N, C-alpha and C. Protein backbone atom coordinates (compact mmCIF):
# COMPACT_ATOMS: atom_id res chain seq x y z
N MET A 1 30.98 35.06 -8.80
CA MET A 1 31.15 35.80 -7.20
C MET A 1 32.45 35.39 -6.79
N GLU A 2 32.30 36.62 -5.92
CA GLU A 2 32.76 36.46 -5.09
C GLU A 2 33.54 35.07 -4.60
N ASN A 3 34.96 34.47 -4.15
CA ASN A 3 35.61 33.64 -3.28
C ASN A 3 35.12 33.79 -1.43
N ILE A 4 33.98 33.18 -1.06
CA ILE A 4 34.36 33.59 0.75
C ILE A 4 34.98 33.46 1.64
N ASP A 5 35.04 33.91 2.55
CA ASP A 5 35.77 33.50 4.12
C ASP A 5 35.69 32.11 4.17
N SER A 6 36.31 31.26 4.29
CA SER A 6 35.40 29.81 4.08
C SER A 6 35.80 29.46 5.92
N ILE A 7 36.37 29.50 6.69
CA ILE A 7 36.71 30.23 8.09
C ILE A 7 35.48 30.62 8.50
N LYS A 8 35.21 31.59 8.41
CA LYS A 8 34.68 32.19 8.81
C LYS A 8 33.13 32.41 8.55
N THR A 9 32.69 31.83 7.72
CA THR A 9 31.23 30.83 6.54
C THR A 9 31.20 29.89 7.90
N ILE A 10 31.77 29.11 8.14
CA ILE A 10 32.10 27.86 8.97
C ILE A 10 31.80 28.06 10.49
N LYS A 11 32.33 29.36 11.04
CA LYS A 11 31.89 29.54 11.97
C LYS A 11 30.97 30.40 12.67
N GLU A 12 30.22 30.72 11.50
CA GLU A 12 28.45 31.32 11.06
C GLU A 12 27.54 30.32 10.88
N ILE A 13 28.26 29.57 10.66
CA ILE A 13 27.32 27.87 10.08
C ILE A 13 26.68 27.54 11.39
N GLU A 14 28.09 26.95 12.19
CA GLU A 14 28.07 26.82 13.96
C GLU A 14 27.04 27.32 14.94
N ASP A 15 27.41 28.50 14.39
CA ASP A 15 27.33 29.75 15.75
C ASP A 15 26.18 30.58 15.57
N TYR A 16 25.43 30.19 14.47
CA TYR A 16 23.95 30.71 13.49
C TYR A 16 23.16 30.19 13.10
N LEU A 17 24.02 29.85 11.76
CA LEU A 17 22.79 29.23 10.72
C LEU A 17 22.22 27.25 11.12
N ILE A 18 22.59 27.16 11.88
CA ILE A 18 22.22 25.61 12.98
C ILE A 18 21.67 26.59 13.98
N PRO A 19 21.99 27.11 14.93
CA PRO A 19 20.61 26.72 16.02
C PRO A 19 20.07 28.12 15.35
N PHE A 20 19.71 28.71 14.56
CA PHE A 20 18.71 29.52 14.21
C PHE A 20 17.34 29.49 13.88
N LEU A 21 17.87 27.93 12.70
CA LEU A 21 17.05 27.14 11.87
C LEU A 21 16.92 25.81 12.60
N LYS A 22 17.50 25.88 13.83
CA LYS A 22 17.45 24.60 14.21
C LYS A 22 17.53 22.70 13.29
N LEU A 23 18.74 23.12 12.94
CA LEU A 23 18.93 21.77 11.95
C LEU A 23 19.16 21.14 12.89
N ASN A 24 18.83 19.55 12.67
CA ASN A 24 18.50 18.36 12.78
C ASN A 24 19.90 17.16 12.08
N THR A 25 20.33 16.37 13.05
CA THR A 25 21.73 15.51 12.39
C THR A 25 21.69 15.84 10.76
N TYR A 26 20.69 15.55 10.24
CA TYR A 26 20.16 15.03 8.50
C TYR A 26 20.68 16.26 8.03
N GLU A 27 20.04 17.24 8.36
CA GLU A 27 19.78 18.54 7.51
C GLU A 27 21.56 18.41 8.28
N ARG A 28 22.03 19.26 8.91
CA ARG A 28 23.32 19.50 9.44
C ARG A 28 23.93 18.79 8.24
N SER A 29 24.18 17.50 8.17
CA SER A 29 24.98 16.24 7.44
C SER A 29 24.97 17.21 5.97
N LEU A 30 23.42 17.48 5.21
CA LEU A 30 22.99 17.40 3.60
C LEU A 30 23.43 19.19 3.28
N TYR A 31 23.34 19.81 4.21
CA TYR A 31 24.03 21.35 4.57
C TYR A 31 24.96 21.64 4.13
N TYR A 32 26.00 20.35 4.80
CA TYR A 32 28.00 20.51 4.68
C TYR A 32 28.00 19.89 3.59
N SER A 33 27.15 18.91 2.87
CA SER A 33 26.89 18.29 1.64
C SER A 33 27.65 18.77 0.44
N LEU A 34 26.44 19.45 0.41
CA LEU A 34 26.21 20.71 -0.03
C LEU A 34 27.08 22.29 -0.49
N PHE A 35 26.83 22.48 1.04
CA PHE A 35 27.82 23.26 1.03
C PHE A 35 29.63 23.24 0.26
N ARG A 36 30.04 22.02 0.00
CA ARG A 36 31.41 21.57 0.21
C ARG A 36 31.52 21.67 -1.44
N GLN A 37 29.94 21.62 -1.90
CA GLN A 37 30.43 21.03 -3.00
C GLN A 37 30.05 21.84 -4.41
N THR A 38 29.48 23.43 -3.84
CA THR A 38 29.15 24.79 -3.68
C THR A 38 29.88 25.58 -2.98
N ARG A 39 29.09 26.46 -2.66
CA ARG A 39 30.08 27.79 -2.38
C ARG A 39 31.03 27.71 -1.85
N LEU A 40 31.84 26.45 -1.62
CA LEU A 40 33.36 26.54 -0.85
C LEU A 40 34.10 26.88 -2.29
N VAL A 41 33.20 25.85 -3.16
CA VAL A 41 34.06 26.29 -4.85
C VAL A 41 33.44 27.00 -5.84
N ASN A 42 32.71 27.86 -4.95
CA ASN A 42 32.61 29.50 -5.66
C ASN A 42 31.49 29.06 -6.62
N LYS A 43 30.31 28.47 -6.48
CA LYS A 43 29.58 28.14 -7.34
C LYS A 43 28.21 28.32 -5.87
N GLU A 44 27.12 28.92 -6.72
CA GLU A 44 25.77 28.79 -6.14
C GLU A 44 24.81 27.70 -6.18
N GLU A 45 25.03 27.29 -7.15
CA GLU A 45 23.52 26.32 -7.45
C GLU A 45 24.25 25.15 -8.12
N ILE A 46 24.15 23.86 -7.76
CA ILE A 46 24.22 22.26 -7.51
C ILE A 46 23.07 21.32 -8.62
N ILE A 47 23.32 20.40 -9.35
CA ILE A 47 22.18 19.43 -9.81
C ILE A 47 23.01 18.22 -8.86
N PHE A 48 22.31 17.78 -7.73
CA PHE A 48 21.87 17.41 -6.70
C PHE A 48 21.33 15.51 -6.71
N VAL A 49 21.75 14.91 -7.05
CA VAL A 49 21.79 13.37 -7.21
C VAL A 49 21.11 12.95 -6.23
N ILE A 50 20.19 12.11 -5.93
CA ILE A 50 19.11 12.24 -4.36
C ILE A 50 20.26 10.75 -4.15
N SER A 51 20.26 9.59 -4.59
CA SER A 51 21.30 8.31 -4.67
C SER A 51 22.40 8.50 -3.93
N SER A 52 23.50 9.88 -4.30
CA SER A 52 24.63 10.07 -4.17
C SER A 52 24.73 10.51 -2.37
N ALA A 53 23.16 10.64 -2.14
CA ALA A 53 23.79 10.80 -0.77
C ALA A 53 23.84 10.50 0.89
N LEU A 54 23.37 8.82 -0.07
CA LEU A 54 23.51 7.57 0.81
C LEU A 54 24.76 7.32 1.26
N SER A 55 26.26 7.17 -0.05
CA SER A 55 27.32 7.09 0.09
C SER A 55 28.43 7.94 1.35
N SER A 56 27.37 9.33 0.03
CA SER A 56 28.06 11.02 0.63
C SER A 56 28.37 10.73 2.23
N VAL A 57 26.52 10.70 2.71
CA VAL A 57 25.96 11.34 4.55
C VAL A 57 25.57 9.74 4.50
N GLY A 58 25.32 8.73 4.52
CA GLY A 58 24.65 7.98 4.93
C GLY A 58 23.20 8.26 4.80
N ILE A 59 22.07 9.21 4.14
CA ILE A 59 20.86 9.03 4.54
C ILE A 59 20.17 8.49 3.19
N THR A 60 18.92 7.51 2.97
CA THR A 60 17.51 7.10 2.01
C THR A 60 17.90 7.98 1.52
N ASP A 61 17.14 7.41 -0.05
CA ASP A 61 17.10 8.39 -0.79
C ASP A 61 15.46 9.39 -0.12
N PHE A 62 14.91 8.41 0.48
CA PHE A 62 12.95 8.65 1.83
C PHE A 62 13.39 9.76 2.08
N SER A 63 14.51 9.55 3.08
CA SER A 63 15.08 11.01 4.05
C SER A 63 15.33 12.03 3.26
N THR A 64 16.69 11.48 2.75
CA THR A 64 17.04 12.87 1.83
C THR A 64 15.97 13.41 1.43
N ARG A 65 15.46 13.21 0.36
CA ARG A 65 14.53 13.95 0.01
C ARG A 65 13.35 14.85 0.86
N LYS A 66 12.92 14.17 1.90
CA LYS A 66 12.01 14.90 2.97
C LYS A 66 12.54 16.12 4.04
N HIS A 67 14.53 15.75 3.90
CA HIS A 67 15.19 16.10 4.80
C HIS A 67 15.11 17.80 3.83
N LEU A 68 15.30 17.54 2.56
CA LEU A 68 15.31 18.26 1.68
C LEU A 68 14.20 19.99 1.70
N ARG A 69 13.15 19.23 1.74
CA ARG A 69 11.80 19.71 1.80
C ARG A 69 12.48 20.66 3.12
N ILE A 70 12.12 19.54 3.52
CA ILE A 70 11.95 21.53 4.60
C ILE A 70 13.08 22.11 4.95
N MET A 71 14.23 20.97 4.56
CA MET A 71 15.52 23.44 4.27
C MET A 71 14.78 23.89 3.38
N ASP A 72 14.88 23.08 2.00
CA ASP A 72 13.82 24.63 1.08
C ASP A 72 12.83 25.21 2.34
N LYS A 73 12.00 24.73 2.79
CA LYS A 73 10.70 25.59 3.65
C LYS A 73 12.23 26.47 4.33
N LYS A 74 12.46 25.65 5.25
CA LYS A 74 13.31 26.56 6.83
C LYS A 74 14.37 28.40 5.69
N GLY A 75 14.45 27.50 4.52
CA GLY A 75 15.55 28.80 3.88
C GLY A 75 16.74 28.72 3.29
N CYS A 76 17.64 27.31 4.04
CA CYS A 76 18.76 27.22 3.93
C CYS A 76 18.98 26.95 2.45
N ILE A 77 18.24 26.23 1.70
CA ILE A 77 17.94 25.75 0.30
C ILE A 77 16.92 26.40 -0.36
N LYS A 78 17.41 26.23 -1.94
CA LYS A 78 16.29 27.08 -2.51
C LYS A 78 16.18 25.76 -3.35
N ILE A 79 15.08 24.52 -4.05
CA ILE A 79 15.11 23.47 -4.79
C ILE A 79 13.90 24.69 -6.07
N VAL A 80 15.24 24.20 -7.12
CA VAL A 80 15.25 25.07 -8.09
C VAL A 80 14.60 25.06 -9.68
N GLU A 81 14.66 23.38 -9.28
CA GLU A 81 13.40 22.64 -9.95
C GLU A 81 14.33 21.38 -10.02
N VAL A 82 13.30 20.14 -10.71
CA VAL A 82 13.38 18.91 -10.56
C VAL A 82 13.66 18.45 -11.09
N ARG A 83 14.58 17.54 -11.85
CA ARG A 83 15.02 17.35 -13.59
C ARG A 83 15.46 15.78 -13.18
N ARG A 84 15.48 15.14 -14.18
CA ARG A 84 15.51 13.92 -14.59
C ARG A 84 17.02 13.28 -14.35
N ASP A 85 18.05 13.86 -13.58
CA ASP A 85 19.24 13.92 -13.15
C ASP A 85 19.05 14.31 -12.00
N GLY A 86 18.81 15.44 -11.15
CA GLY A 86 18.51 14.95 -9.75
C GLY A 86 18.02 16.57 -9.83
N LEU A 87 18.18 17.29 -8.67
CA LEU A 87 17.35 18.09 -8.20
C LEU A 87 18.45 19.63 -8.66
N LYS A 88 18.01 20.53 -9.18
CA LYS A 88 19.32 22.09 -9.11
C LYS A 88 18.62 22.00 -7.21
N ILE A 89 19.07 22.80 -6.84
CA ILE A 89 19.42 23.78 -5.80
C ILE A 89 20.79 24.55 -5.76
N LYS A 90 20.28 25.31 -5.10
CA LYS A 90 20.74 26.84 -4.42
C LYS A 90 20.84 26.92 -2.92
N ILE A 91 22.29 26.87 -2.92
CA ILE A 91 22.81 26.56 -1.24
C ILE A 91 23.00 28.23 -0.77
N PHE A 92 22.32 28.18 0.24
CA PHE A 92 21.94 30.08 1.33
C PHE A 92 23.51 30.34 2.05
N LEU A 93 24.18 30.83 1.98
CA LEU A 93 25.15 31.36 3.87
C LEU A 93 24.69 31.90 4.93
N PRO A 94 25.00 31.74 5.77
CA PRO A 94 24.79 32.44 6.77
C PRO A 94 24.11 33.36 6.45
N SER A 95 25.02 34.64 5.78
CA SER A 95 25.22 35.86 6.00
C SER A 95 23.88 36.29 4.84
N GLU A 96 23.12 35.00 3.75
CA GLU A 96 22.34 35.44 3.36
C GLU A 96 20.80 34.82 3.32
N ILE A 97 20.49 34.57 4.95
CA ILE A 97 19.11 34.69 5.58
C ILE A 97 18.76 35.65 6.11
N SER A 98 17.97 36.35 6.19
CA SER A 98 16.98 37.28 6.80
C SER A 98 16.95 36.84 8.03
N GLY A 99 18.00 38.01 9.31
CA GLY A 99 17.86 37.80 10.23
C GLY A 99 18.93 36.50 11.11
N CYS A 100 19.65 35.89 10.24
CA CYS A 100 20.28 34.15 10.49
C CYS A 100 21.21 35.07 12.12
N VAL A 101 22.68 36.41 10.92
CA VAL A 101 23.18 36.46 11.38
C VAL A 101 23.66 37.26 12.68
N VAL A 102 23.87 37.65 13.87
CA VAL A 102 23.83 38.89 15.21
C VAL A 102 24.33 40.58 14.14
N ASP A 103 23.87 40.78 14.41
CA ASP A 103 24.36 42.35 13.74
C ASP A 103 25.23 42.68 15.41
N LYS A 104 26.01 43.28 14.63
CA LYS A 104 26.55 42.95 16.08
C LYS A 104 27.31 43.82 16.47
N LYS A 105 26.57 45.10 15.54
CA LYS A 105 27.16 46.48 16.08
C LYS A 105 26.17 47.37 16.90
N GLU A 106 24.86 46.43 16.54
CA GLU A 106 23.75 46.97 18.17
C GLU A 106 23.31 45.65 18.82
N ASN A 107 24.27 43.94 18.18
CA ASN A 107 24.28 43.86 19.13
C ASN A 107 22.78 42.36 18.95
N LEU A 108 22.08 43.02 18.25
CA LEU A 108 20.84 42.46 17.63
C LEU A 108 20.58 41.80 16.99
N VAL A 109 19.70 40.36 17.41
CA VAL A 109 19.51 39.49 15.44
C VAL A 109 17.84 39.91 15.26
N VAL A 110 17.81 40.21 14.21
CA VAL A 110 16.79 40.58 12.61
C VAL A 110 16.00 39.96 13.01
N ILE A 111 15.16 39.65 13.43
CA ILE A 111 13.89 38.41 13.85
C ILE A 111 12.99 38.15 12.90
N ASN A 112 12.91 37.06 11.95
CA ASN A 112 12.13 36.81 10.68
C ASN A 112 11.20 35.94 10.55
N ILE A 113 9.96 36.65 10.21
CA ILE A 113 9.13 36.45 10.93
C ILE A 113 8.49 34.93 10.34
N GLU A 114 8.35 35.06 8.94
CA GLU A 114 9.05 33.66 7.86
C GLU A 114 9.15 32.76 8.06
N ASN A 115 10.29 32.60 9.02
CA ASN A 115 11.21 31.43 9.30
C ASN A 115 10.37 30.55 11.17
N ILE A 116 9.97 31.12 11.82
CA ILE A 116 8.96 30.78 12.89
C ILE A 116 8.58 30.18 13.33
N ASN A 117 8.50 28.82 13.63
CA ASN A 117 7.51 28.03 13.99
C ASN A 117 6.05 28.52 15.24
N PHE A 118 5.42 28.79 14.71
CA PHE A 118 3.93 29.47 15.84
C PHE A 118 3.82 28.48 16.22
N TYR A 119 3.26 27.05 15.85
CA TYR A 119 3.22 26.27 16.08
C TYR A 119 3.98 25.41 18.24
N ASN A 120 5.18 25.55 17.16
CA ASN A 120 6.47 25.02 18.21
C ASN A 120 7.61 25.66 19.78
N ASP A 121 7.34 26.84 19.06
CA ASP A 121 7.76 27.47 19.08
C ASP A 121 7.21 28.45 21.00
N SER A 122 7.94 27.90 21.91
CA SER A 122 6.52 28.59 22.89
C SER A 122 6.34 29.80 22.74
N LYS A 123 7.47 30.35 22.54
CA LYS A 123 7.75 32.30 22.72
C LYS A 123 7.29 33.02 21.45
N TYR A 124 6.12 32.43 20.64
CA TYR A 124 5.99 32.92 19.72
C TYR A 124 4.23 32.25 19.95
N ARG A 125 3.72 31.61 20.39
CA ARG A 125 2.10 30.70 20.60
C ARG A 125 1.50 31.99 21.03
N LYS A 126 1.64 32.91 21.90
CA LYS A 126 0.60 33.52 22.57
C LYS A 126 -0.07 35.10 21.10
N THR A 127 1.09 34.97 20.60
CA THR A 127 0.51 36.54 19.42
C THR A 127 -0.05 35.77 18.44
N ILE A 128 -0.24 34.21 18.70
CA ILE A 128 -1.38 34.44 17.72
C ILE A 128 -2.97 34.31 18.18
N LEU A 129 -2.54 34.00 19.56
CA LEU A 129 -3.52 34.29 20.21
C LEU A 129 -4.33 35.68 19.83
N GLN A 130 -3.37 36.41 20.64
CA GLN A 130 -2.95 38.39 20.41
C GLN A 130 -4.08 38.32 18.69
N ARG A 131 -2.91 37.82 17.84
CA ARG A 131 -3.77 37.85 16.66
C ARG A 131 -5.24 38.13 16.34
N GLU A 132 -5.88 36.82 16.81
CA GLU A 132 -6.93 36.67 16.62
C GLU A 132 -7.58 37.48 17.82
N ASN A 133 -7.42 38.00 18.37
CA ASN A 133 -8.36 39.27 20.38
C ASN A 133 -8.89 37.78 20.52
N GLU A 134 -7.98 37.22 21.12
CA GLU A 134 -8.60 36.35 21.66
C GLU A 134 -9.99 35.92 22.04
N LYS A 135 -9.91 35.27 20.58
CA LYS A 135 -11.82 34.91 20.33
C LYS A 135 -11.39 33.18 19.34
N CYS A 136 -11.78 32.62 19.77
CA CYS A 136 -11.80 31.38 18.61
C CYS A 136 -12.11 31.53 17.12
N PHE A 137 -10.46 31.23 15.99
CA PHE A 137 -10.56 31.16 15.22
C PHE A 137 -12.28 31.06 14.17
N TYR A 138 -12.68 29.78 14.55
CA TYR A 138 -13.27 29.22 14.29
C TYR A 138 -15.66 29.55 14.21
N CYS A 139 -15.47 28.79 16.56
CA CYS A 139 -16.27 30.01 15.97
C CYS A 139 -16.67 30.95 16.83
N LEU A 140 -16.03 31.67 17.10
CA LEU A 140 -16.18 33.15 17.18
C LEU A 140 -15.84 33.17 19.34
N LYS A 141 -16.03 31.96 19.94
CA LYS A 141 -15.73 31.73 21.08
C LYS A 141 -15.05 32.63 22.06
N LYS A 142 -14.84 33.22 23.14
CA LYS A 142 -13.90 34.32 23.98
C LYS A 142 -13.34 33.10 24.24
N ILE A 143 -11.69 33.18 24.18
CA ILE A 143 -10.37 32.61 24.62
C ILE A 143 -9.77 32.51 25.10
N THR A 144 -9.05 32.53 26.69
CA THR A 144 -7.78 32.94 26.86
C THR A 144 -6.64 32.37 27.18
N ASN A 145 -5.58 32.88 27.74
CA ASN A 145 -4.12 32.15 27.90
C ASN A 145 -4.18 30.63 28.07
N GLU A 146 -5.26 30.53 28.91
CA GLU A 146 -5.37 29.77 30.04
C GLU A 146 -6.11 28.21 29.38
N ASN A 147 -6.76 28.72 28.16
CA ASN A 147 -7.32 27.65 27.66
C ASN A 147 -7.58 27.44 26.27
N TYR A 148 -7.06 27.77 25.31
CA TYR A 148 -6.79 27.94 24.04
C TYR A 148 -6.09 27.44 23.46
N VAL A 149 -5.97 26.98 22.07
CA VAL A 149 -4.40 25.38 21.61
C VAL A 149 -4.50 25.85 20.03
N LEU A 150 -3.53 25.53 19.91
CA LEU A 150 -3.41 26.55 17.71
C LEU A 150 -3.53 25.04 17.06
N ASP A 151 -4.07 25.51 16.35
CA ASP A 151 -4.81 24.40 14.68
C ASP A 151 -4.61 25.32 13.59
N HIS A 152 -4.17 24.23 12.67
CA HIS A 152 -3.99 24.49 11.53
C HIS A 152 -5.21 24.61 10.12
N LEU A 153 -5.70 25.76 9.72
CA LEU A 153 -5.56 25.67 8.20
C LEU A 153 -5.79 24.38 7.93
N VAL A 154 -4.63 24.45 7.13
CA VAL A 154 -4.11 23.34 6.11
C VAL A 154 -3.95 21.63 7.32
N PRO A 155 -3.91 20.95 7.04
CA PRO A 155 -4.33 20.02 8.82
C PRO A 155 -2.82 19.62 7.78
N GLN A 156 -2.42 18.94 9.20
CA GLN A 156 -0.88 18.38 9.16
C GLN A 156 -0.59 17.59 7.83
N VAL A 157 -1.21 16.52 8.11
CA VAL A 157 -1.31 15.31 7.34
C VAL A 157 -1.61 15.98 5.64
N GLU A 158 -1.34 16.94 5.20
CA GLU A 158 -1.85 17.42 4.27
C GLU A 158 -0.53 18.35 3.65
N ASN A 159 0.29 18.89 4.84
CA ASN A 159 1.23 19.88 4.32
C ASN A 159 1.86 20.58 5.66
N VAL A 160 2.85 19.78 6.05
CA VAL A 160 3.07 20.49 7.64
C VAL A 160 3.61 21.96 7.36
N ASP A 161 3.62 23.21 8.29
CA ASP A 161 3.24 24.29 7.46
C ASP A 161 3.18 25.02 9.13
N ASN A 162 3.88 25.14 9.68
CA ASN A 162 3.82 25.97 11.17
C ASN A 162 4.05 27.31 11.24
N SER A 163 4.42 27.99 9.93
CA SER A 163 3.89 29.50 9.75
C SER A 163 3.04 30.61 10.34
N TYR A 164 3.48 31.04 10.19
CA TYR A 164 1.42 32.18 10.83
C TYR A 164 0.61 31.84 9.70
N LYS A 165 0.75 31.36 8.68
CA LYS A 165 0.02 31.63 7.45
C LYS A 165 -1.01 30.61 7.77
N ASN A 166 -0.97 30.20 8.73
CA ASN A 166 -1.67 28.54 8.81
C ASN A 166 -1.84 28.34 10.22
N ILE A 167 -1.43 28.59 11.51
CA ILE A 167 -1.80 28.29 12.31
C ILE A 167 -2.49 29.38 13.01
N VAL A 168 -3.80 29.07 13.91
CA VAL A 168 -5.08 29.86 14.50
C VAL A 168 -4.56 29.12 16.03
N ALA A 169 -5.35 31.06 16.64
CA ALA A 169 -5.74 30.22 18.61
C ALA A 169 -8.05 29.85 17.80
N VAL A 170 -7.49 28.73 18.40
CA VAL A 170 -9.06 27.76 18.55
C VAL A 170 -9.32 27.61 19.82
N CYS A 171 -10.50 27.75 19.91
CA CYS A 171 -11.03 26.83 21.28
C CYS A 171 -10.95 24.99 22.00
N HIS A 172 -10.66 24.52 22.68
CA HIS A 172 -10.63 22.97 22.51
C HIS A 172 -11.43 22.01 22.08
N GLU A 173 -12.51 22.45 22.36
CA GLU A 173 -14.21 21.98 21.29
C GLU A 173 -13.94 22.00 19.68
N CYS A 174 -13.79 23.23 19.59
CA CYS A 174 -13.52 23.15 17.87
C CYS A 174 -12.15 22.69 17.38
N ASN A 175 -11.54 22.33 18.09
CA ASN A 175 -10.58 21.66 17.75
C ASN A 175 -10.19 20.24 17.24
N SER A 176 -11.31 19.50 18.78
CA SER A 176 -11.30 18.52 18.69
C SER A 176 -12.97 18.41 17.36
N LYS A 177 -13.26 18.44 17.49
CA LYS A 177 -13.90 18.60 15.85
C LYS A 177 -13.81 18.10 14.95
N LYS A 178 -13.01 19.69 14.77
CA LYS A 178 -12.32 19.90 13.56
C LYS A 178 -11.08 18.38 13.11
N SER A 179 -10.41 18.57 13.72
CA SER A 179 -9.66 16.45 13.59
C SER A 179 -8.70 17.39 12.49
N GLY A 180 -8.83 16.29 11.59
CA GLY A 180 -8.11 16.50 9.82
C GLY A 180 -8.57 16.92 8.74
N SER A 181 -9.79 17.59 9.16
CA SER A 181 -10.29 18.48 7.76
C SER A 181 -10.11 19.83 8.32
N ASN A 182 -9.90 20.42 6.74
CA ASN A 182 -9.76 21.09 6.28
C ASN A 182 -9.90 22.71 6.91
N ALA A 183 -9.93 24.01 7.32
CA ALA A 183 -10.74 24.96 7.60
C ALA A 183 -12.00 25.35 6.94
N ASN A 184 -11.73 25.81 5.23
CA ASN A 184 -13.01 25.78 5.03
C ASN A 184 -14.44 24.47 5.10
N ASP A 185 -13.95 23.34 5.38
CA ASP A 185 -15.41 22.34 5.61
C ASP A 185 -15.68 22.89 7.03
N PHE A 186 -14.57 23.39 7.39
CA PHE A 186 -14.51 23.02 9.05
C PHE A 186 -16.06 24.31 9.70
N VAL A 187 -15.31 25.35 8.90
CA VAL A 187 -16.95 26.31 9.06
C VAL A 187 -17.65 26.37 8.40
N ARG A 188 -18.18 25.94 7.21
CA ARG A 188 -19.24 25.59 6.71
C ARG A 188 -19.83 24.40 7.31
N LYS A 189 -19.21 23.54 8.04
CA LYS A 189 -20.00 22.17 9.63
C LYS A 189 -20.67 23.36 10.43
N LEU A 190 -19.94 24.63 10.57
CA LEU A 190 -20.26 25.07 12.23
C LEU A 190 -21.21 25.97 12.15
N TYR A 191 -21.45 26.55 10.73
CA TYR A 191 -23.09 26.90 9.72
C TYR A 191 -23.97 26.18 10.25
N ARG A 192 -23.19 25.17 9.49
CA ARG A 192 -24.43 24.40 9.07
C ARG A 192 -25.45 23.90 10.73
N ASP A 193 -24.36 23.72 12.09
CA ASP A 193 -25.10 23.51 12.64
C ASP A 193 -25.54 24.69 13.43
N SER A 194 -25.68 25.28 12.87
CA SER A 194 -26.02 26.77 13.44
C SER A 194 -25.56 27.33 14.45
N ILE A 195 -23.66 27.33 14.95
CA ILE A 195 -22.99 27.71 15.85
C ILE A 195 -22.94 29.01 14.85
N LEU A 196 -22.47 29.16 13.70
CA LEU A 196 -22.62 30.24 12.81
C LEU A 196 -23.92 30.66 12.00
N SER A 197 -23.43 32.20 11.76
CA SER A 197 -24.39 32.89 11.59
C SER A 197 -24.01 32.64 9.46
N LEU A 198 -24.71 32.94 8.72
CA LEU A 198 -24.41 33.29 7.25
C LEU A 198 -23.30 34.26 6.90
N LYS A 199 -24.13 35.78 7.83
CA LYS A 199 -22.29 36.01 8.11
C LYS A 199 -21.15 36.63 8.88
N GLU A 200 -21.07 35.29 9.31
CA GLU A 200 -20.40 34.91 9.92
C GLU A 200 -19.30 34.07 9.23
N LEU A 201 -20.51 33.06 8.56
CA LEU A 201 -19.66 32.05 7.85
C LEU A 201 -18.80 33.13 6.66
N GLU A 202 -19.50 33.63 6.07
CA GLU A 202 -18.95 34.71 4.63
C GLU A 202 -17.39 35.33 5.04
N GLU A 203 -17.65 36.41 7.12
CA GLU A 203 -16.59 37.01 7.35
C GLU A 203 -15.60 35.86 7.81
N ARG A 204 -15.42 34.60 8.02
CA ARG A 204 -14.12 33.01 7.92
C ARG A 204 -13.85 32.50 7.44
N LEU A 205 -14.75 32.44 6.11
CA LEU A 205 -14.13 32.23 4.39
C LEU A 205 -13.11 33.34 4.50
N VAL A 206 -13.80 34.28 4.33
CA VAL A 206 -12.14 35.44 4.04
C VAL A 206 -11.41 35.69 4.43
N LYS A 207 -11.43 35.59 6.18
CA LYS A 207 -10.41 35.55 6.78
C LYS A 207 -9.50 34.08 6.93
N ILE A 208 -9.59 33.32 6.59
CA ILE A 208 -8.84 32.52 6.43
C ILE A 208 -8.26 32.09 5.11
N GLU A 209 -8.73 32.86 4.21
CA GLU A 209 -7.84 33.62 2.65
C GLU A 209 -6.93 34.29 2.85
N ILE A 210 -7.10 35.36 3.88
CA ILE A 210 -6.19 36.39 4.47
C ILE A 210 -5.49 35.98 4.78
N VAL A 211 -5.84 34.82 6.28
CA VAL A 211 -4.09 34.38 6.87
C VAL A 211 -3.25 33.39 6.60
N LYS A 212 -3.96 32.47 4.51
CA LYS A 212 -3.52 31.88 4.20
C LYS A 212 -2.69 32.65 3.60
N ASN A 213 -2.39 34.04 3.12
CA ASN A 213 -2.25 34.85 1.79
C ASN A 213 -0.79 35.64 2.99
N GLY A 214 -1.19 35.75 4.14
CA GLY A 214 0.53 36.39 4.54
C GLY A 214 -0.03 37.93 5.29
N GLU A 215 -1.01 37.69 5.02
CA GLU A 215 -1.71 39.28 4.87
C GLU A 215 -2.06 39.54 7.32
N LEU A 216 -2.16 38.66 7.41
CA LEU A 216 -2.51 38.73 8.52
C LEU A 216 -1.44 38.45 9.55
N LYS A 217 0.14 39.70 9.39
CA LYS A 217 0.59 38.86 10.62
C LYS A 217 0.42 39.34 12.23
N PRO A 218 0.89 37.97 12.66
CA PRO A 218 1.04 38.08 14.88
C PRO A 218 2.24 39.47 14.59
N ILE A 219 1.83 40.57 15.93
CA ILE A 219 3.14 41.46 16.16
C ILE A 219 4.08 40.38 17.46
N ILE A 220 5.44 40.47 16.46
CA ILE A 220 6.52 39.46 17.30
C ILE A 220 7.34 40.62 17.96
């Protein structure tokens, strides 16, 4: 592995990586701690002892585990292996994260759809509605930009996933009735309540799997 230009890399972390991935204070501190122990000394991976974060970064074990999982999902680190002596973690530089660093030749940022938070980022919420052809993903009722909401196929209590693989546009009624249940169970309930026909139920179950598998990307 080649030695990195540390000054340039730190500037890219501050100017690009932190705002691009919306790293909070805890995630930023953890990233710098991992960066200092790996890429700054020409290593890609580290066996990270969770308890060490309390003294080095000032974060509890529970909070450390939580934020490392979030950072893995955001793509700035990868939890390669869970071991008895700690977590084997790989760290990525800003230039290694798709869409993170501005292309100076064209002055454009290549957007990586996998990193977009479709639930919270207002710029992309409407693309989910357009992907659903302005129909409620569950009951197929017509919805518009004025009366739709976004829902999680797998509820947040089970897995916090705000990617296009888990977010769908729905009507307020379905969103309220579904509550914390998963999408498959809810569409089966719509069928039992005669809101969906058998054919529509089967189509919905297939569509759920298509979305979950990332085969139906919104246009951004």
